C-alpha atoms as a PDB file:
ATOM      1  CA  MET A   1       0.000   0.000   0.000  1.00  0.00           C
ATOM      2  CA  ARG A   2       1.245   3.478  -0.796  1.00  0.00           C
ATOM      3  CA  VAL A   3       0.045   7.031  -0.701  1.00  0.00           C
ATOM      4  CA  ALA A   4      -0.013   8.839  -4.033  1.00  0.00           C
ATOM      5  CA  LYS A   5       2.635  11.540  -4.196  1.00  0.00           C
ATOM      6  CA  LYS A   6       1.543  15.135  -4.054  1.00  0.00           C
ATOM      7  CA  ARG A   7       2.149  17.402  -7.001  1.00  0.00           C
ATOM      8  CA  PRO A   8       3.538  20.913  -6.672  1.00  0.00           C
ATOM      9  CA  GLU A   9       0.440  22.798  -7.851  1.00  0.00           C
ATOM     10  CA  ASN A  10      -2.980  22.549  -6.287  1.00  0.00           C
ATOM     11  CA  TYR A  11      -4.854  22.663  -9.580  1.00  0.00           C
ATOM     12  CA  ASN A  12      -4.065  21.207 -12.967  1.00  0.00           C
ATOM     13  CA  VAL A  13      -6.974  22.187 -15.194  1.00  0.00           C
ATOM     14  CA  ILE A  14      -7.740  19.905 -18.115  1.00  0.00           C
ATOM     15  CA  THR A  15      -7.384  21.435 -21.556  1.00  0.00           C
ATOM     16  CA  PRO A  16     -10.136  23.392 -23.339  1.00  0.00           C
ATOM     17  CA  ALA A  17     -10.377  20.556 -25.853  1.00  0.00           C
ATOM     18  CA  GLN A  18     -11.418  18.276 -23.011  1.00  0.00           C
ATOM     19  CA  ALA A  19     -13.721  20.825 -21.395  1.00  0.00           C
ATOM     20  CA  PRO A  20     -14.828  23.523 -23.840  1.00  0.00           C
ATOM     21  CA  GLY A  21     -15.926  26.759 -22.218  1.00  0.00           C
ATOM     22  CA  LEU A  22     -13.934  26.191 -19.044  1.00  0.00           C
ATOM     23  CA  THR A  23     -13.125  29.894 -18.804  1.00  0.00           C
ATOM     24  CA  PRO A  24     -16.035  31.708 -20.509  1.00  0.00           C
ATOM     25  CA  GLU A  25     -15.441  35.224 -21.786  1.00  0.00           C
ATOM     26  CA  ARG A  26     -17.624  38.265 -21.109  1.00  0.00           C
ATOM     27  CA  LEU A  27     -20.182  38.891 -23.851  1.00  0.00           C
ATOM     28  CA  SER A  28     -21.649  42.167 -25.006  1.00  0.00           C
ATOM     29  CA  ALA A  29     -24.278  43.084 -27.580  1.00  0.00           C
ATOM     30  CA  VAL A  30     -27.037  45.574 -28.359  1.00  0.00           C
ATOM     31  CA  VAL A  31     -30.651  44.423 -28.138  1.00  0.00           C
ATOM     32  CA  PRO A  32     -31.976  44.418 -31.742  1.00  0.00           C
ATOM     33  CA  ASP A  33     -35.215  46.180 -32.606  1.00  0.00           C
ATOM     34  CA  VAL A  34     -36.873  42.875 -33.487  1.00  0.00           C
ATOM     35  CA  CYS A  35     -36.765  41.970 -29.764  1.00  0.00           C
ATOM     36  CA  ALA A  36     -38.687  45.103 -28.706  1.00  0.00           C
ATOM     37  CA  GLY A  37     -41.445  44.219 -26.261  1.00  0.00           C
ATOM     38  CA  LEU A  38     -40.085  40.786 -25.373  1.00  0.00           C
ATOM     39  CA  ARG A  39     -39.216  39.594 -21.865  1.00  0.00           C
ATOM     40  CA  ALA A  40     -35.544  39.947 -21.085  1.00  0.00           C
ATOM     41  CA  ASP A  41     -34.995  36.189 -20.817  1.00  0.00           C
ATOM     42  CA  THR A  42     -36.767  35.579 -24.133  1.00  0.00           C
ATOM     43  CA  ALA A  43     -34.790  38.262 -25.915  1.00  0.00           C
ATOM     44  CA  LEU A  44     -31.507  37.030 -24.472  1.00  0.00           C
ATOM     45  CA  ALA A  45     -32.275  33.455 -25.561  1.00  0.00           C
ATOM     46  CA  GLN A  46     -32.608  34.741 -29.125  1.00  0.00           C
ATOM     47  CA  MET A  47     -29.464  36.859 -28.882  1.00  0.00           C
ATOM     48  CA  PHE A  48     -27.279  34.162 -27.290  1.00  0.00           C
ATOM     49  CA  PRO A  49     -28.602  30.812 -28.607  1.00  0.00           C
ATOM     50  CA  GLU A  50     -25.454  29.025 -27.422  1.00  0.00           C
ATOM     51  CA  HIS A  51     -26.821  29.336 -23.862  1.00  0.00           C
ATOM     52  CA  SER A  52     -30.103  27.859 -22.662  1.00  0.00           C
ATOM     53  CA  ARG A  53     -32.941  30.114 -21.560  1.00  0.00           C
ATOM     54  CA  SER A  54     -32.884  28.617 -18.071  1.00  0.00           C
ATOM     55  CA  ARG A  55     -29.170  29.393 -17.729  1.00  0.00           C
ATOM     56  CA  LEU A  56     -29.634  32.964 -18.960  1.00  0.00           C
ATOM     57  CA  SER A  57     -32.534  33.409 -16.521  1.00  0.00           C
ATOM     58  CA  ALA A  58     -30.338  32.213 -13.681  1.00  0.00           C
ATOM     59  CA  TRP A  59     -27.612  34.669 -14.684  1.00  0.00           C
ATOM     60  CA  LEU A  60     -30.218  37.440 -14.754  1.00  0.00           C
ATOM     61  CA  ARG A  61     -31.373  36.583 -11.240  1.00  0.00           C
ATOM     62  CA  ASN A  62     -27.766  36.433 -10.019  1.00  0.00           C
ATOM     63  CA  GLY A  63     -26.902  39.845 -11.474  1.00  0.00           C
ATOM     64  CA  ARG A  64     -24.525  38.461 -14.077  1.00  0.00           C
ATOM     65  CA  ILE A  65     -26.358  40.210 -16.936  1.00  0.00           C
ATOM     66  CA  THR A  66     -26.909  43.954 -17.170  1.00  0.00           C
ATOM     67  CA  LEU A  67     -28.959  46.131 -19.497  1.00  0.00           C
ATOM     68  CA  ASP A  68     -27.552  49.639 -19.766  1.00  0.00           C
ATOM     69  CA  GLY A  69     -25.739  48.994 -16.480  1.00  0.00           C
ATOM     70  CA  ALA A  70     -28.830  47.847 -14.547  1.00  0.00           C
ATOM     71  CA  SER A  71     -29.728  44.300 -13.461  1.00  0.00           C
ATOM     72  CA  PRO A  72     -33.168  43.390 -14.820  1.00  0.00           C
ATOM     73  CA  ALA A  73     -35.410  40.532 -13.766  1.00  0.00           C
ATOM     74  CA  PRO A  74     -36.132  37.773 -16.313  1.00  0.00           C
ATOM     75  CA  LYS A  75     -39.696  39.060 -16.774  1.00  0.00           C
ATOM     76  CA  ASP A  76     -38.690  42.693 -17.437  1.00  0.00           C
ATOM     77  CA  LYS A  77     -39.192  43.811 -21.016  1.00  0.00           C
ATOM     78  CA  VAL A  78     -36.634  45.153 -23.463  1.00  0.00           C
ATOM     79  CA  TRP A  79     -37.324  47.802 -26.089  1.00  0.00           C
ATOM     80  CA  GLY A  80     -34.332  47.602 -28.391  1.00  0.00           C
ATOM     81  CA  GLY A  81     -31.081  49.503 -28.325  1.00  0.00           C
ATOM     82  CA  GLU A  82     -30.085  48.516 -24.763  1.00  0.00           C
ATOM     83  CA  GLN A  83     -26.472  47.581 -24.192  1.00  0.00           C
ATOM     84  CA  VAL A  84     -26.282  44.029 -22.855  1.00  0.00           C
ATOM     85  CA  VAL A  85     -23.277  42.752 -20.926  1.00  0.00           C
ATOM     86  CA  VAL A  86     -23.162  39.074 -19.951  1.00  0.00           C
ATOM     87  CA  ASP A  87     -20.623  37.841 -17.415  1.00  0.00           C
ATOM     88  CA  PRO A  88     -21.054  34.074 -17.812  1.00  0.00           C
ATOM     89  CA  GLU A  89     -20.799  31.868 -14.776  1.00  0.00           C
ATOM     90  CA  THR A  90     -18.577  28.857 -15.244  1.00  0.00           C
ATOM     91  CA  ASP A  91     -20.637  25.701 -15.607  1.00  0.00           C
ATOM     92  CA  PRO A  92     -19.966  23.591 -12.497  1.00  0.00           C
ATOM     93  CA  HIS A  93     -20.385  20.441 -14.575  1.00  0.00           C
ATOM     94  CA  ILE A  94     -17.267  21.509 -16.496  1.00  0.00           C
ATOM     95  CA  THR A  95     -15.145  22.861 -13.669  1.00  0.00           C
ATOM     96  CA  ALA A  96     -15.881  19.697 -11.722  1.00  0.00           C
ATOM     97  CA  TYR A  97     -13.270  18.036 -13.922  1.00  0.00           C
ATOM     98  CA  ARG A  98     -10.287  19.795 -12.388  1.00  0.00           C
ATOM     99  CA  ALA A  99      -7.248  17.962 -11.126  1.00  0.00           C
ATOM    100  CA  GLN A 100      -6.789  18.671  -7.421  1.00  0.00           C
ATOM    101  CA  ASP A 101      -3.964  17.724  -5.107  1.00  0.00           C
ATOM    102  CA  ILE A 102      -5.921  15.489  -2.749  1.00  0.00           C
ATOM    103  CA  PRO A 103      -3.923  12.623  -1.208  1.00  0.00           C
ATOM    104  CA  ILE A 104      -5.321   9.177  -1.956  1.00  0.00           C
ATOM    105  CA  THR A 105      -4.227   5.763  -0.761  1.00  0.00           C
ATOM    106  CA  VAL A 106      -3.446   3.526  -3.724  1.00  0.00           C
ATOM    107  CA  VAL A 107      -3.577  -0.146  -2.766  1.00  0.00           C
ATOM    108  CA  PHE A 108      -2.749  -1.419  -6.251  1.00  0.00           C
ATOM    109  CA  GLU A 109      -1.977   0.130  -9.619  1.00  0.00           C
ATOM    110  CA  ASP A 110      -0.849  -0.991 -13.047  1.00  0.00           C
ATOM    111  CA  GLU A 111      -1.464   0.324 -16.566  1.00  0.00           C
ATOM    112  CA  HIS A 112      -5.028  -1.063 -16.567  1.00  0.00           C
ATOM    113  CA  LEU A 113      -6.579  -0.260 -13.220  1.00  0.00           C
ATOM    114  CA  MET A 114      -6.169   1.241  -9.755  1.00  0.00           C
ATOM    115  CA  VAL A 115      -7.595   0.093  -6.434  1.00  0.00           C
ATOM    116  CA  ILE A 116      -8.167   2.926  -3.970  1.00  0.00           C
ATOM    117  CA  ASP A 117      -8.762   2.772  -0.220  1.00  0.00           C
ATOM    118  CA  LYS A 118     -11.194   5.691   0.061  1.00  0.00           C
ATOM    119  CA  PRO A 119     -11.413   7.515   3.405  1.00  0.00           C
ATOM    120  CA  ALA A 120     -14.742   8.420   4.945  1.00  0.00           C
ATOM    121  CA  GLY A 121     -15.782  11.965   4.093  1.00  0.00           C
ATOM    122  CA  LEU A 122     -14.509  11.918   0.505  1.00  0.00           C
ATOM    123  CA  VAL A 123     -17.180  12.198  -2.196  1.00  0.00           C
ATOM    124  CA  VAL A 124     -16.472   9.898  -5.138  1.00  0.00           C
ATOM    125  CA  HIS A 125     -17.947  11.879  -8.047  1.00  0.00           C
ATOM    126  CA  PRO A 126     -18.810  15.590  -8.385  1.00  0.00           C
ATOM    127  CA  GLY A 127     -22.462  16.483  -8.048  1.00  0.00           C
ATOM    128  CA  SER A 128     -24.846  19.002  -6.573  1.00  0.00           C
ATOM    129  CA  GLY A 129     -23.206  20.614  -3.542  1.00  0.00           C
ATOM    130  CA  ASN A 130     -19.903  18.827  -4.176  1.00  0.00           C
ATOM    131  CA  TRP A 131     -18.443  20.189  -7.391  1.00  0.00           C
ATOM    132  CA  GLU A 132     -14.831  19.826  -6.280  1.00  0.00           C
ATOM    133  CA  GLY A 133     -12.717  18.112  -3.640  1.00  0.00           C
ATOM    134  CA  THR A 134     -13.839  14.664  -4.802  1.00  0.00           C
ATOM    135  CA  LEU A 135     -12.096  11.403  -5.558  1.00  0.00           C
ATOM    136  CA  LEU A 136     -12.491  12.180  -9.267  1.00  0.00           C
ATOM    137  CA  ASN A 137     -10.511  15.413  -8.786  1.00  0.00           C
ATOM    138  CA  ALA A 138      -7.801  13.477  -6.943  1.00  0.00           C
ATOM    139  CA  LEU A 139      -7.649  10.832  -9.680  1.00  0.00           C
ATOM    140  CA  LEU A 140      -7.138  13.463 -12.378  1.00  0.00           C
ATOM    141  CA  GLN A 141      -4.162  14.795 -10.443  1.00  0.00           C
ATOM    142  CA  HIS A 142      -2.675  11.354  -9.897  1.00  0.00           C
ATOM    143  CA  ALA A 143      -3.267  10.119 -13.462  1.00  0.00           C
ATOM    144  CA  PRO A 144      -4.129  13.004 -15.847  1.00  0.00           C
ATOM    145  CA  GLN A 145      -4.859  10.597 -18.714  1.00  0.00           C
ATOM    146  CA  LEU A 146      -8.055   9.601 -16.892  1.00  0.00           C
ATOM    147  CA  ALA A 147      -9.591  12.841 -18.212  1.00  0.00           C
ATOM    148  CA  GLN A 148     -10.022  10.956 -21.506  1.00  0.00           C
ATOM    149  CA  LEU A 149     -12.335   8.355 -19.915  1.00  0.00           C
ATOM    150  CA  PRO A 150     -16.002   8.658 -18.948  1.00  0.00           C
ATOM    151  CA  ARG A 151     -16.205   9.606 -15.239  1.00  0.00           C
ATOM    152  CA  ALA A 152     -12.387   9.484 -15.126  1.00  0.00           C
ATOM    153  CA  GLY A 153     -12.497   5.676 -15.070  1.00  0.00           C
ATOM    154  CA  ILE A 154     -14.816   5.381 -12.055  1.00  0.00           C
ATOM    155  CA  VAL A 155     -17.032   2.324 -12.476  1.00  0.00           C
ATOM    156  CA  HIS A 156     -18.728   2.111  -9.070  1.00  0.00           C
ATOM    157  CA  ARG A 157     -19.086   4.301  -6.024  1.00  0.00           C
ATOM    158  CA  LEU A 158     -19.059   4.364  -2.263  1.00  0.00           C
ATOM    159  CA  ASP A 159     -21.166   6.785  -0.231  1.00  0.00           C
ATOM    160  CA  LYS A 160     -19.341   9.865   1.023  1.00  0.00           C
ATOM    161  CA  ASP A 161     -19.200   8.546   4.612  1.00  0.00           C
ATOM    162  CA  THR A 162     -18.420   4.942   3.687  1.00  0.00           C
ATOM    163  CA  SER A 163     -14.734   4.021   3.660  1.00  0.00           C
ATOM    164  CA  GLY A 164     -12.895   1.296   1.821  1.00  0.00           C
ATOM    165  CA  LEU A 165     -11.963  -0.257  -1.493  1.00  0.00           C
ATOM    166  CA  LEU A 166     -12.981   0.999  -4.902  1.00  0.00           C
ATOM    167  CA  VAL A 167     -11.638   0.078  -8.358  1.00  0.00           C
ATOM    168  CA  VAL A 168     -10.919   2.613 -11.114  1.00  0.00           C
ATOM    169  CA  ALA A 169     -10.210   1.769 -14.760  1.00  0.00           C
ATOM    170  CA  LYS A 170      -7.221   3.394 -16.484  1.00  0.00           C
ATOM    171  CA  ASN A 171      -8.206   2.737 -20.097  1.00  0.00           C
ATOM    172  CA  LEU A 172     -11.419   2.258 -22.014  1.00  0.00           C
ATOM    173  CA  ALA A 173     -10.994  -1.492 -22.506  1.00  0.00           C
ATOM    174  CA  ALA A 174     -10.523  -2.018 -18.772  1.00  0.00           C
ATOM    175  CA  GLN A 175     -13.485   0.218 -17.994  1.00  0.00           C
ATOM    176  CA  THR A 176     -15.738  -1.780 -20.317  1.00  0.00           C
ATOM    177  CA  ALA A 177     -14.566  -5.079 -18.822  1.00  0.00           C
ATOM    178  CA  LEU A 178     -15.066  -3.901 -15.240  1.00  0.00           C
ATOM    179  CA  VAL A 179     -18.543  -2.546 -15.956  1.00  0.00           C
ATOM    180  CA  ARG A 180     -19.504  -5.893 -17.469  1.00  0.00           C
ATOM    181  CA  GLN A 181     -18.234  -7.728 -14.396  1.00  0.00           C
ATOM    182  CA  LEU A 182     -20.293  -5.461 -12.163  1.00  0.00           C
ATOM    183  CA  GLN A 183     -23.336  -6.072 -14.330  1.00  0.00           C
ATOM    184  CA  ASP A 184     -22.973  -9.848 -14.207  1.00  0.00           C
ATOM    185  CA  HIS A 185     -22.279  -9.754 -10.430  1.00  0.00           C
ATOM    186  CA  SER A 186     -18.846 -11.360 -10.708  1.00  0.00           C
ATOM    187  CA  VAL A 187     -17.128  -8.645  -8.665  1.00  0.00           C
ATOM    188  CA  THR A 188     -16.930  -9.610  -5.002  1.00  0.00           C
ATOM    189  CA  ARG A 189     -17.543  -6.738  -2.579  1.00  0.00           C
ATOM    190  CA  GLU A 190     -17.543  -7.416   1.142  1.00  0.00           C
ATOM    191  CA  TYR A 191     -18.246  -4.827   3.807  1.00  0.00           C
ATOM    192  CA  ALA A 192     -17.803  -4.602   7.559  1.00  0.00           C
ATOM    193  CA  ALA A 193     -20.983  -3.136   9.028  1.00  0.00           C
ATOM    194  CA  VAL A 194     -21.815  -2.412  12.663  1.00  0.00           C
ATOM    195  CA  VAL A 195     -25.556  -2.492  13.227  1.00  0.00           C
ATOM    196  CA  HIS A 196     -28.000  -1.941  16.037  1.00  0.00           C
ATOM    197  CA  GLY A 197     -29.473  -5.041  17.637  1.00  0.00           C
ATOM    198  CA  ASN A 198     -28.457  -8.657  18.009  1.00  0.00           C
ATOM    199  CA  VAL A 199     -28.309 -10.431  14.661  1.00  0.00           C
ATOM    200  CA  PRO A 200     -28.300 -14.105  15.644  1.00  0.00           C
ATOM    201  CA  ALA A 201     -27.554 -15.813  12.318  1.00  0.00           C
ATOM    202  CA  ALA A 202     -26.584 -15.315   8.713  1.00  0.00           C
ATOM    203  CA  GLY A 203     -29.233 -14.360   6.219  1.00  0.00           C
ATOM    204  CA  THR A 204     -30.080 -12.687   2.942  1.00  0.00           C
ATOM    205  CA  VAL A 205     -32.167  -9.639   2.165  1.00  0.00           C
ATOM    206  CA  ASP A 206     -33.693  -9.922  -1.304  1.00  0.00           C
ATOM    207  CA  ALA A 207     -35.789  -6.784  -1.665  1.00  0.00           C
ATOM    208  CA  PRO A 208     -36.047  -4.249  -4.525  1.00  0.00           C
ATOM    209  CA  ILE A 209     -34.718  -0.736  -3.916  1.00  0.00           C
ATOM    210  CA  GLY A 210     -35.915   2.530  -5.419  1.00  0.00           C
ATOM    211  CA  ARG A 211     -36.480   6.171  -4.545  1.00  0.00           C
ATOM    212  CA  HIS A 212     -38.547   6.835  -1.435  1.00  0.00           C
ATOM    213  CA  LYS A 213     -42.070   7.826  -2.461  1.00  0.00           C
ATOM    214  CA  THR A 214     -42.082  11.120  -0.557  1.00  0.00           C
ATOM    215  CA  GLN A 215     -38.455  11.757   0.475  1.00  0.00           C
ATOM    216  CA  ARG A 216     -36.690  11.831  -2.866  1.00  0.00           C
ATOM    217  CA  THR A 217     -33.169  12.061  -1.436  1.00  0.00           C
ATOM    218  CA  ARG A 218     -33.662   8.707   0.281  1.00  0.00           C
ATOM    219  CA  MET A 219     -33.818   5.185  -1.049  1.00  0.00           C
ATOM    220  CA  ALA A 220     -36.238   2.554   0.219  1.00  0.00           C
ATOM    221  CA  VAL A 221     -37.464  -0.985  -0.290  1.00  0.00           C
ATOM    222  CA  VAL A 222     -40.262  -0.379  -2.789  1.00  0.00           C
ATOM    223  CA  PRO A 223     -42.358  -2.578  -5.087  1.00  0.00           C
ATOM    224  CA  GLY A 224     -41.146  -2.187  -8.622  1.00  0.00           C
ATOM    225  CA  GLY A 225     -37.691  -1.029  -7.533  1.00  0.00           C
ATOM    226  CA  LYS A 226     -34.456  -2.432  -8.911  1.00  0.00           C
ATOM    227  CA  ALA A 227     -33.517  -5.943  -7.797  1.00  0.00           C
ATOM    228  CA  ALA A 228     -31.181  -5.859  -4.798  1.00  0.00           C
ATOM    229  CA  ILE A 229     -29.637  -8.720  -2.847  1.00  0.00           C
ATOM    230  CA  THR A 230     -27.468  -8.452   0.269  1.00  0.00           C
ATOM    231  CA  HIS A 231     -26.002 -11.435   2.100  1.00  0.00           C
ATOM    232  CA  TYR A 232     -24.973 -10.893   5.725  1.00  0.00           C
ATOM    233  CA  GLU A 233     -23.239 -12.902   8.423  1.00  0.00           C
ATOM    234  CA  PRO A 234     -22.554 -11.984  12.051  1.00  0.00           C
ATOM    235  CA  VAL A 235     -18.865 -11.759  12.934  1.00  0.00           C
ATOM    236  CA  ALA A 236     -19.069 -10.544  16.533  1.00  0.00           C
ATOM    237  CA  HIS A 237     -21.784  -9.679  19.032  1.00  0.00           C
ATOM    238  CA  PHE A 238     -21.588  -6.824  21.548  1.00  0.00           C
ATOM    239  CA  GLY A 239     -24.840  -7.098  23.435  1.00  0.00           C
ATOM    240  CA  ARG A 240     -27.079  -4.634  21.654  1.00  0.00           C
ATOM    241  CA  THR A 241     -24.931  -4.351  18.545  1.00  0.00           C
ATOM    242  CA  THR A 242     -23.493  -6.732  15.962  1.00  0.00           C
ATOM    243  CA  LEU A 243     -20.532  -6.606  13.614  1.00  0.00           C
ATOM    244  CA  LEU A 244     -21.597  -8.050  10.268  1.00  0.00           C
ATOM    245  CA  CYS A 245     -19.840  -9.087   7.113  1.00  0.00           C
ATOM    246  CA  CYS A 246     -22.116  -8.027   4.240  1.00  0.00           C
ATOM    247  CA  ARG A 247     -21.628  -9.212   0.686  1.00  0.00           C
ATOM    248  CA  LEU A 248     -23.302  -7.429  -2.191  1.00  0.00           C
ATOM    249  CA  GLU A 249     -24.781  -9.427  -5.023  1.00  0.00           C
ATOM    250  CA  THR A 250     -26.058  -6.208  -6.590  1.00  0.00           C
ATOM    251  CA  GLY A 251     -24.885  -2.628  -6.146  1.00  0.00           C
ATOM    252  CA  ARG A 252     -27.820  -0.286  -5.591  1.00  0.00           C
ATOM    253  CA  THR A 253     -27.526   3.155  -4.025  1.00  0.00           C
ATOM    254  CA  HIS A 254     -27.313   2.862  -0.204  1.00  0.00           C
ATOM    255  CA  GLN A 255     -28.069  -0.854  -0.551  1.00  0.00           C
ATOM    256  CA  ILE A 256     -26.619  -2.177   2.716  1.00  0.00           C
ATOM    257  CA  ARG A 257     -27.938   0.789   4.673  1.00  0.00           C
ATOM    258  CA  VAL A 258     -31.453   0.390   3.270  1.00  0.00           C
ATOM    259  CA  HIS A 259     -31.564  -3.395   3.546  1.00  0.00           C
ATOM    260  CA  MET A 260     -30.307  -3.579   7.119  1.00  0.00           C
ATOM    261  CA  ALA A 261     -32.688  -0.837   8.226  1.00  0.00           C
ATOM    262  CA  SER A 262     -35.544  -2.697   6.506  1.00  0.00           C
ATOM    263  CA  ILE A 263     -35.025  -5.740   8.753  1.00  0.00           C
ATOM    264  CA  GLY A 264     -34.735  -3.669  11.919  1.00  0.00           C
ATOM    265  CA  HIS A 265     -30.944  -3.436  12.150  1.00  0.00           C
ATOM    266  CA  PRO A 266     -29.882   0.027  10.921  1.00  0.00           C
ATOM    267  CA  LEU A 267     -26.213   0.874  10.854  1.00  0.00           C
ATOM    268  CA  ILE A 268     -24.755   2.687  13.829  1.00  0.00           C
ATOM    269  CA  GLY A 269     -24.246   6.356  12.987  1.00  0.00           C
ATOM    270  CA  ASP A 270     -26.561   6.338   9.975  1.00  0.00           C
ATOM    271  CA  ALA A 271     -28.469   9.632  10.244  1.00  0.00           C
ATOM    272  CA  VAL A 272     -30.588   8.894   7.171  1.00  0.00           C
ATOM    273  CA  TYR A 273     -31.764   5.345   7.788  1.00  0.00           C
ATOM    274  CA  GLY A 274     -30.988   4.950  11.481  1.00  0.00           C
ATOM    275  CA  THR A 275     -29.793   7.193  14.296  1.00  0.00           C
ATOM    276  CA  ARG A 276     -26.720   9.189  15.303  1.00  0.00           C
ATOM    277  CA  ARG A 277     -27.399   8.723  19.010  1.00  0.00           C
ATOM    278  CA  GLY A 278     -24.890   5.929  19.339  1.00  0.00           C
ATOM    279  CA  VAL A 279     -25.608   2.921  21.548  1.00  0.00           C
ATOM    280  CA  PRO A 280     -25.774   2.424  25.315  1.00  0.00           C
ATOM    281  CA  GLY A 281     -22.291   2.307  26.784  1.00  0.00           C
ATOM    282  CA  ALA A 282     -20.575   3.299  23.533  1.00  0.00           C
ATOM    283  CA  VAL A 283     -19.146   6.463  22.097  1.00  0.00           C
ATOM    284  CA  ALA A 284     -21.301   8.220  19.525  1.00  0.00           C
ATOM    285  CA  PHE A 285     -20.259   7.494  15.949  1.00  0.00           C
ATOM    286  CA  ALA A 286     -20.228  10.366  13.467  1.00  0.00           C
ATOM    287  CA  ARG A 287     -20.934   8.408  10.270  1.00  0.00           C
ATOM    288  CA  GLN A 288     -22.524   5.173   9.139  1.00  0.00           C
ATOM    289  CA  ALA A 289     -20.360   2.333  10.439  1.00  0.00           C
ATOM    290  CA  LEU A 290     -19.643   0.815   7.038  1.00  0.00           C
ATOM    291  CA  HIS A 291     -16.328  -0.117   5.432  1.00  0.00           C
ATOM    292  CA  ALA A 292     -15.658  -1.848   2.084  1.00  0.00           C
ATOM    293  CA  GLN A 293     -13.060  -4.292   3.337  1.00  0.00           C
ATOM    294  CA  LYS A 294     -12.642  -6.726   0.446  1.00  0.00           C
ATOM    295  CA  LEU A 295     -12.712  -6.424  -3.335  1.00  0.00           C
ATOM    296  CA  ALA A 296     -12.148  -9.252  -5.819  1.00  0.00           C
ATOM    297  CA  LEU A 297     -12.423  -9.246  -9.595  1.00  0.00           C
ATOM    298  CA  THR A 298     -11.007 -10.698 -12.780  1.00  0.00           C
ATOM    299  CA  HIS A 299      -8.147  -8.562 -14.056  1.00  0.00           C
ATOM    300  CA  PRO A 300      -9.290  -7.165 -17.431  1.00  0.00           C
ATOM    301  CA  ALA A 301      -5.915  -7.775 -19.118  1.00  0.00           C
ATOM    302  CA  SER A 302      -4.480 -10.938 -17.544  1.00  0.00           C
ATOM    303  CA  GLY A 303      -7.787 -12.716 -16.928  1.00  0.00           C
ATOM    304  CA  ARG A 304      -6.531 -13.749 -13.483  1.00  0.00           C
ATOM    305  CA  ARG A 305      -8.670 -13.396 -10.375  1.00  0.00           C
ATOM    306  CA  ARG A 306      -7.277 -10.712  -8.071  1.00  0.00           C
ATOM    307  CA  SER A 307      -8.379  -9.670  -4.586  1.00  0.00           C
ATOM    308  CA  TRP A 308      -7.512  -6.909  -2.136  1.00  0.00           C
ATOM    309  CA  GLN A 309      -8.337  -6.169   1.480  1.00  0.00           C
ATOM    310  CA  ALA A 310      -8.357  -2.925   3.452  1.00  0.00           C
ATOM    311  CA  ALA A 311      -7.879  -2.773   7.211  1.00  0.00           C
ATOM    312  CA  LEU A 312     -10.531  -1.036   9.272  1.00  0.00           C
ATOM    313  CA  PRO A 313      -9.981   2.726   9.558  1.00  0.00           C
ATOM    314  CA  ASP A 314      -9.089   4.099  12.981  1.00  0.00           C
ATOM    315  CA  ASP A 315     -12.550   5.456  13.799  1.00  0.00           C
ATOM    316  CA  LEU A 316     -14.281   2.159  13.088  1.00  0.00           C
ATOM    317  CA  GLN A 317     -11.643   0.163  14.952  1.00  0.00           C
ATOM    318  CA  HIS A 318     -12.055   2.494  17.939  1.00  0.00           C
ATOM    319  CA  LEU A 319     -15.814   1.929  17.845  1.00  0.00           C
ATOM    320  CA  LEU A 320     -15.368  -1.848  17.898  1.00  0.00           C
ATOM    321  CA  ASP A 321     -12.820  -1.647  20.725  1.00  0.00           C
ATOM    322  CA  THR A 322     -15.254   0.451  22.758  1.00  0.00           C
ATOM    323  CA  LEU A 323     -18.154  -1.886  22.078  1.00  0.00           C
ATOM    324  CA  GLU A 324     -16.090  -4.930  23.070  1.00  0.00           C
ATOM    325  CA  HIS A 325     -14.904  -3.202  26.248  1.00  0.00           C
ATOM    326  CA  ASN A 326     -18.468  -2.306  27.262  1.00  0.00           C
ATOM    327  CA  ALA A 327     -20.110  -5.586  26.236  1.00  0.00           C
END
């Protein structure tokens, strides 16, 4: 195991060819007479067809567009002859693909793939509210050629507050092969999970998962959801809590968290599907107690079966030590 070396500069922006419009220039124009009487957003959409009306409306609301030096609302009308100045806002979907100097632990790497031991707290892929500081940004710094691949070679994800192993492809052939293995369930993914309650024996949860009917940021066991299967086995008991080994047969969003909560054993520290209150006699835990501890797959180039394991992170080990001491 090694830690990827840091690079001297914090940012290494990918080229304009890879991300057109990365640094948009200020635009200026005069409202033509044919737009007289139109709403500002409608007129602007005609004047700057390279930008969507919704984006132009957002820039209007944010004061990034002026008419004769004033900031109009999208519904205000134009009469022709006004001087328009547009100060475009960089599209976060584009700037998300910056290389950033974020240390990552590389468990294995060759010319085809990388296996990363992701820490808790690191978002895997940029998205709403997390447009930078992600694993993708770190990967682009470590291996700039990943900018040529969809999602920088990322083929599966871990939740922000889940730690552990994750594989990344380094070329298109490897990415295709790894995606196919995930689809046919031949990738082995085992997790250490600490759950509330006494789980007496091994079992399987075979229950479809989809978006919660009313809370759209949550997942739930729902009829008509995507097939999801989780196998679990108790490893250690601590009175009112159990350490489980969970093996995924499928890889749905929040699968282990949703499945264990559905059978009455939510993960310790899971604020979405369980509770952050901790357990009697134990320290409170600040995240879901979940760690991807084992990953096995067929190497896309050699065809040989390879496997890797990641030791428990310090916070999870401390939780288990405390639970054992208080049991």
